[in-house]
N, C-alpha and C. Protein backbone atom coordinates (compact mmCIF):
# COMPACT_ATOMS: atom_id res chain seq x y z
N MET A 1 25.03 7.28 52.39
CA MET A 1 24.08 6.24 52.14
C MET A 1 24.84 4.93 51.94
N ARG A 2 24.34 3.87 52.50
CA ARG A 2 25.03 2.58 52.42
C ARG A 2 24.98 2.02 51.00
N PRO A 3 26.05 1.30 50.61
CA PRO A 3 26.10 0.72 49.26
C PRO A 3 24.94 -0.24 48.99
N THR A 4 24.48 -0.96 50.01
CA THR A 4 23.39 -1.91 49.82
C THR A 4 22.11 -1.18 49.44
N LEU A 5 21.85 -0.05 50.09
CA LEU A 5 20.66 0.74 49.79
C LEU A 5 20.74 1.33 48.38
N LYS A 6 21.91 1.78 47.98
CA LYS A 6 22.09 2.32 46.64
C LYS A 6 21.81 1.26 45.59
N LEU A 7 22.31 0.05 45.81
CA LEU A 7 22.10 -1.05 44.87
C LEU A 7 20.62 -1.40 44.80
N THR A 8 19.96 -1.43 45.92
CA THR A 8 18.53 -1.74 45.96
C THR A 8 17.73 -0.69 45.19
N LEU A 9 18.05 0.58 45.38
CA LEU A 9 17.36 1.64 44.65
C LEU A 9 17.61 1.54 43.15
N ALA A 10 18.84 1.24 42.76
CA ALA A 10 19.16 1.10 41.34
C ALA A 10 18.38 -0.05 40.72
N LEU A 11 18.29 -1.18 41.42
CA LEU A 11 17.54 -2.33 40.90
C LEU A 11 16.05 -2.00 40.79
N LEU A 12 15.52 -1.31 41.79
CA LEU A 12 14.12 -0.94 41.77
C LEU A 12 13.81 -0.03 40.58
N LEU A 13 14.66 0.93 40.32
CA LEU A 13 14.45 1.83 39.19
C LEU A 13 14.54 1.11 37.86
N SER A 14 15.44 0.15 37.74
CA SER A 14 15.56 -0.59 36.48
C SER A 14 14.32 -1.44 36.23
N VAL A 15 13.75 -2.02 37.29
CA VAL A 15 12.52 -2.80 37.14
C VAL A 15 11.36 -1.88 36.74
N MET A 16 11.29 -0.70 37.34
CA MET A 16 10.24 0.26 37.00
C MET A 16 10.36 0.70 35.54
N ALA A 17 11.58 0.93 35.08
CA ALA A 17 11.78 1.36 33.70
C ALA A 17 11.37 0.26 32.73
N THR A 18 11.70 -0.98 33.04
CA THR A 18 11.35 -2.10 32.18
C THR A 18 9.84 -2.27 32.10
N SER A 19 9.16 -2.21 33.23
CA SER A 19 7.70 -2.37 33.21
C SER A 19 7.03 -1.20 32.51
N ALA A 20 7.59 -0.01 32.64
CA ALA A 20 7.00 1.15 31.95
C ALA A 20 7.11 1.00 30.44
N LEU A 21 8.22 0.52 29.96
CA LEU A 21 8.40 0.34 28.52
C LEU A 21 7.52 -0.78 27.98
N ALA A 22 7.27 -1.81 28.78
CA ALA A 22 6.44 -2.93 28.34
C ALA A 22 5.00 -2.48 28.13
N ASN A 23 4.53 -1.48 28.84
CA ASN A 23 3.15 -1.02 28.74
C ASN A 23 3.05 0.37 28.14
N GLU A 24 3.96 0.73 27.24
CA GLU A 24 3.95 2.07 26.72
C GLU A 24 2.66 2.35 25.95
N TRP A 25 2.11 3.52 26.19
CA TRP A 25 0.86 3.89 25.53
C TRP A 25 1.15 4.85 24.40
N VAL A 26 0.30 4.80 23.39
CA VAL A 26 0.50 5.61 22.19
C VAL A 26 -0.61 6.62 21.96
N GLY A 27 -1.69 6.49 22.72
CA GLY A 27 -2.79 7.43 22.54
C GLY A 27 -3.87 7.23 23.57
N VAL A 28 -4.86 8.13 23.52
CA VAL A 28 -5.99 8.09 24.44
C VAL A 28 -7.26 8.37 23.65
N ILE A 29 -8.30 7.61 23.93
CA ILE A 29 -9.59 7.84 23.28
C ILE A 29 -10.21 9.10 23.87
N LYS A 30 -10.53 10.06 23.01
CA LYS A 30 -11.13 11.31 23.45
C LYS A 30 -12.65 11.27 23.35
N ARG A 31 -13.18 10.68 22.27
CA ARG A 31 -14.62 10.58 22.07
C ARG A 31 -14.94 9.27 21.39
N SER A 32 -16.12 8.75 21.71
CA SER A 32 -16.58 7.56 21.00
C SER A 32 -18.10 7.54 21.00
N LYS A 33 -18.64 6.86 19.99
CA LYS A 33 -20.08 6.71 19.88
C LYS A 33 -20.35 5.33 19.33
N GLY A 34 -21.33 4.66 19.89
CA GLY A 34 -21.70 3.34 19.41
C GLY A 34 -20.79 2.25 19.95
N GLU A 35 -20.72 1.17 19.21
CA GLU A 35 -19.91 0.02 19.63
C GLU A 35 -18.45 0.22 19.22
N VAL A 36 -17.61 0.46 20.21
CA VAL A 36 -16.18 0.63 19.96
C VAL A 36 -15.43 -0.36 20.86
N LEU A 37 -14.66 -1.23 20.23
CA LEU A 37 -13.91 -2.24 20.97
C LEU A 37 -12.42 -2.03 20.77
N LEU A 38 -11.68 -2.38 21.79
CA LEU A 38 -10.22 -2.32 21.75
C LEU A 38 -9.73 -3.76 21.82
N GLN A 39 -8.98 -4.17 20.80
CA GLN A 39 -8.41 -5.51 20.81
C GLN A 39 -6.98 -5.43 21.32
N ARG A 40 -6.74 -6.02 22.48
CA ARG A 40 -5.41 -6.04 23.09
C ARG A 40 -5.03 -7.50 23.24
N ASP A 41 -3.99 -7.91 22.49
CA ASP A 41 -3.62 -9.32 22.39
C ASP A 41 -4.85 -10.08 21.87
N SER A 42 -5.37 -11.03 22.59
CA SER A 42 -6.55 -11.77 22.11
C SER A 42 -7.81 -11.35 22.85
N GLU A 43 -7.74 -10.29 23.63
CA GLU A 43 -8.85 -9.83 24.45
C GLU A 43 -9.55 -8.65 23.81
N LEU A 44 -10.89 -8.64 23.85
CA LEU A 44 -11.67 -7.50 23.37
C LEU A 44 -12.19 -6.73 24.58
N ILE A 45 -11.94 -5.41 24.58
CA ILE A 45 -12.31 -4.55 25.69
C ILE A 45 -13.21 -3.45 25.16
N ALA A 46 -14.30 -3.16 25.87
CA ALA A 46 -15.16 -2.03 25.49
C ALA A 46 -14.37 -0.74 25.71
N ALA A 47 -14.27 0.07 24.68
CA ALA A 47 -13.46 1.29 24.76
C ALA A 47 -14.35 2.51 24.88
N ALA A 48 -14.00 3.38 25.81
CA ALA A 48 -14.74 4.63 26.02
C ALA A 48 -13.74 5.77 26.17
N ALA A 49 -14.24 6.98 26.30
CA ALA A 49 -13.37 8.14 26.48
C ALA A 49 -12.47 7.92 27.69
N GLY A 50 -11.18 8.23 27.51
CA GLY A 50 -10.21 8.07 28.59
C GLY A 50 -9.42 6.77 28.53
N THR A 51 -9.83 5.84 27.68
CA THR A 51 -9.12 4.56 27.56
C THR A 51 -7.77 4.78 26.88
N GLU A 52 -6.70 4.26 27.49
CA GLU A 52 -5.37 4.38 26.88
C GLU A 52 -5.18 3.31 25.81
N ILE A 53 -4.56 3.72 24.72
CA ILE A 53 -4.23 2.82 23.62
C ILE A 53 -2.75 2.48 23.74
N ARG A 54 -2.42 1.21 23.73
CA ARG A 54 -1.02 0.77 23.82
C ARG A 54 -0.53 0.29 22.46
N LYS A 55 0.78 0.18 22.34
CA LYS A 55 1.36 -0.37 21.12
C LYS A 55 0.79 -1.75 20.86
N GLY A 56 0.40 -2.01 19.63
CA GLY A 56 -0.12 -3.32 19.26
C GLY A 56 -1.63 -3.43 19.38
N ASP A 57 -2.30 -2.44 20.00
CA ASP A 57 -3.76 -2.48 20.12
C ASP A 57 -4.41 -2.17 18.77
N ARG A 58 -5.63 -2.67 18.62
CA ARG A 58 -6.43 -2.38 17.44
C ARG A 58 -7.77 -1.82 17.89
N LEU A 59 -8.30 -0.86 17.13
CA LEU A 59 -9.63 -0.31 17.40
C LEU A 59 -10.60 -0.90 16.39
N ILE A 60 -11.72 -1.39 16.91
CA ILE A 60 -12.75 -2.00 16.06
C ILE A 60 -14.05 -1.24 16.32
N THR A 61 -14.64 -0.71 15.26
CA THR A 61 -15.89 0.03 15.42
C THR A 61 -17.02 -0.73 14.74
N GLY A 62 -18.21 -0.63 15.32
CA GLY A 62 -19.39 -1.27 14.75
C GLY A 62 -20.11 -0.34 13.80
N ARG A 63 -21.28 -0.79 13.38
CA ARG A 63 -22.10 -0.01 12.47
C ARG A 63 -22.56 1.27 13.18
N ASP A 64 -22.56 2.39 12.50
CA ASP A 64 -22.95 3.70 13.06
C ASP A 64 -22.11 4.08 14.28
N SER A 65 -20.85 3.71 14.30
CA SER A 65 -19.95 4.01 15.42
C SER A 65 -18.77 4.81 14.92
N TYR A 66 -18.16 5.54 15.84
CA TYR A 66 -16.91 6.23 15.52
C TYR A 66 -16.12 6.41 16.80
N VAL A 67 -14.83 6.71 16.62
CA VAL A 67 -13.96 6.99 17.77
C VAL A 67 -12.92 8.01 17.34
N LYS A 68 -12.60 8.92 18.24
CA LYS A 68 -11.54 9.91 17.99
C LYS A 68 -10.45 9.68 19.02
N VAL A 69 -9.21 9.54 18.54
CA VAL A 69 -8.08 9.21 19.40
C VAL A 69 -7.02 10.30 19.28
N THR A 70 -6.52 10.75 20.42
CA THR A 70 -5.37 11.64 20.44
C THR A 70 -4.14 10.75 20.47
N VAL A 71 -3.33 10.82 19.43
CA VAL A 71 -2.13 9.99 19.31
C VAL A 71 -0.94 10.79 19.78
N ARG A 72 -0.13 10.18 20.61
CA ARG A 72 1.04 10.85 21.17
C ARG A 72 2.04 11.17 20.06
N GLY A 73 2.40 12.44 19.95
CA GLY A 73 3.39 12.87 18.97
C GLY A 73 2.87 12.96 17.55
N ALA A 74 1.54 12.92 17.38
CA ALA A 74 0.96 12.98 16.03
C ALA A 74 -0.39 13.70 16.09
N SER A 75 -0.99 13.88 14.94
CA SER A 75 -2.31 14.50 14.87
C SER A 75 -3.37 13.51 15.36
N PRO A 76 -4.51 14.03 15.80
CA PRO A 76 -5.60 13.14 16.22
C PRO A 76 -6.06 12.25 15.06
N VAL A 77 -6.56 11.07 15.41
CA VAL A 77 -7.03 10.11 14.41
C VAL A 77 -8.50 9.84 14.66
N SER A 78 -9.30 9.93 13.60
CA SER A 78 -10.71 9.58 13.68
C SER A 78 -10.94 8.28 12.92
N VAL A 79 -11.69 7.38 13.54
CA VAL A 79 -11.98 6.08 12.92
C VAL A 79 -13.49 6.00 12.76
N GLY A 80 -13.92 5.73 11.54
CA GLY A 80 -15.34 5.68 11.23
C GLY A 80 -15.97 4.32 11.48
N PRO A 81 -17.22 4.15 11.00
CA PRO A 81 -17.96 2.92 11.22
C PRO A 81 -17.34 1.70 10.52
N GLN A 82 -17.57 0.55 11.12
CA GLN A 82 -17.16 -0.75 10.59
C GLN A 82 -15.69 -0.77 10.17
N ALA A 83 -14.83 -0.37 11.10
CA ALA A 83 -13.39 -0.33 10.82
C ALA A 83 -12.64 -1.22 11.81
N ASN A 84 -11.45 -1.63 11.39
CA ASN A 84 -10.55 -2.41 12.23
C ASN A 84 -9.15 -1.85 11.98
N VAL A 85 -8.67 -1.00 12.90
CA VAL A 85 -7.46 -0.20 12.64
C VAL A 85 -6.41 -0.42 13.72
N ALA A 86 -5.17 -0.64 13.27
CA ALA A 86 -4.03 -0.68 14.19
C ALA A 86 -3.45 0.73 14.22
N LEU A 87 -3.39 1.34 15.40
CA LEU A 87 -2.91 2.72 15.50
C LEU A 87 -1.40 2.84 15.44
N ASP A 88 -0.68 1.74 15.49
CA ASP A 88 0.78 1.78 15.41
C ASP A 88 1.25 2.50 14.15
N ARG A 89 0.48 2.40 13.10
CA ARG A 89 0.89 3.02 11.83
C ARG A 89 0.86 4.54 11.88
N TYR A 90 0.19 5.12 12.88
CA TYR A 90 0.09 6.57 13.00
C TYR A 90 1.12 7.17 13.96
N ILE A 91 1.95 6.33 14.57
CA ILE A 91 2.98 6.80 15.48
C ILE A 91 4.17 7.26 14.66
N PRO A 92 4.68 8.46 14.92
CA PRO A 92 5.87 8.91 14.19
C PRO A 92 7.04 7.94 14.42
N LYS A 93 7.71 7.56 13.35
CA LYS A 93 8.80 6.58 13.44
C LYS A 93 10.07 7.16 14.06
N ASP A 94 10.29 8.46 13.87
CA ASP A 94 11.54 9.05 14.35
C ASP A 94 11.48 9.43 15.82
N GLU A 95 10.33 9.27 16.46
CA GLU A 95 10.20 9.68 17.86
C GLU A 95 9.80 8.47 18.71
N PRO A 96 10.63 8.08 19.68
CA PRO A 96 10.23 6.98 20.55
C PRO A 96 9.04 7.39 21.40
N VAL A 97 8.28 6.41 21.88
CA VAL A 97 7.10 6.69 22.67
C VAL A 97 7.29 6.13 24.08
N PRO A 98 8.01 6.85 24.93
CA PRO A 98 8.22 6.35 26.29
C PRO A 98 6.99 6.57 27.15
N HIS A 99 6.79 5.71 28.13
CA HIS A 99 5.67 5.86 29.05
C HIS A 99 5.98 6.96 30.07
N ALA A 100 7.21 7.01 30.51
CA ALA A 100 7.65 8.04 31.45
C ALA A 100 9.10 8.38 31.15
N SER A 101 9.47 9.60 31.42
CA SER A 101 10.83 10.01 31.17
C SER A 101 11.73 9.52 32.31
N MET A 102 12.35 8.38 32.11
CA MET A 102 13.20 7.80 33.14
C MET A 102 14.49 8.61 33.32
N ASP A 103 14.88 9.36 32.28
CA ASP A 103 16.07 10.20 32.42
C ASP A 103 15.89 11.21 33.55
N LYS A 104 14.71 11.82 33.62
CA LYS A 104 14.45 12.81 34.67
C LYS A 104 14.42 12.15 36.05
N VAL A 105 13.82 10.96 36.11
CA VAL A 105 13.76 10.24 37.39
C VAL A 105 15.15 9.87 37.85
N LEU A 106 15.95 9.31 36.95
CA LEU A 106 17.32 8.90 37.31
C LEU A 106 18.17 10.11 37.68
N HIS A 107 18.01 11.22 36.95
CA HIS A 107 18.77 12.43 37.26
C HIS A 107 18.40 12.95 38.65
N GLY A 108 17.10 12.95 38.95
CA GLY A 108 16.66 13.41 40.27
C GLY A 108 17.17 12.51 41.38
N LEU A 109 17.15 11.19 41.14
CA LEU A 109 17.65 10.25 42.14
C LEU A 109 19.14 10.45 42.36
N ALA A 110 19.89 10.62 41.27
CA ALA A 110 21.34 10.82 41.40
C ALA A 110 21.63 12.11 42.16
N SER A 111 20.86 13.16 41.89
CA SER A 111 21.05 14.42 42.61
C SER A 111 20.76 14.25 44.10
N ALA A 112 19.69 13.55 44.41
CA ALA A 112 19.33 13.34 45.82
C ALA A 112 20.39 12.51 46.53
N LEU A 113 20.90 11.49 45.86
CA LEU A 113 21.94 10.67 46.46
C LEU A 113 23.22 11.48 46.71
N THR A 114 23.55 12.35 45.77
CA THR A 114 24.75 13.18 45.91
C THR A 114 24.61 14.16 47.05
N VAL A 115 23.45 14.80 47.16
CA VAL A 115 23.21 15.77 48.23
C VAL A 115 23.24 15.07 49.58
N ASN A 116 22.60 13.92 49.68
CA ASN A 116 22.59 13.19 50.95
C ASN A 116 23.98 12.68 51.33
N ARG A 117 24.77 12.37 50.35
CA ARG A 117 26.12 11.88 50.60
C ARG A 117 27.00 12.99 51.16
N LEU A 118 26.76 14.22 50.70
CA LEU A 118 27.58 15.36 51.14
C LEU A 118 27.23 15.80 52.56
N ARG A 119 26.08 15.43 53.05
CA ARG A 119 25.67 15.84 54.41
C ARG A 119 26.38 15.10 55.48
């Protein structure tokens, strides 16, 4: 494989890793009832089952509303009516929350490059 192609692949993977870490998710909404909003930066988003929760997001529930969230690496979290909760506090501190395992991707790429080089 040509050195230029190897460099291009390495740069592409580093960009992918950076963008994956910038949007790392910490949980997923499993159930919700009533008015449930997700505050991401200064934007309010209607949250429903399947919505990914990212670091820094807040869940806001209205009157007679609730939401149940599966938090990555922790127990599920239930949020009751009229709440405003940052889920970052429920993330285990000793475990990083990667979006994708880049180690496996890089290892696979290195293996493929080695095999192709030997041919």
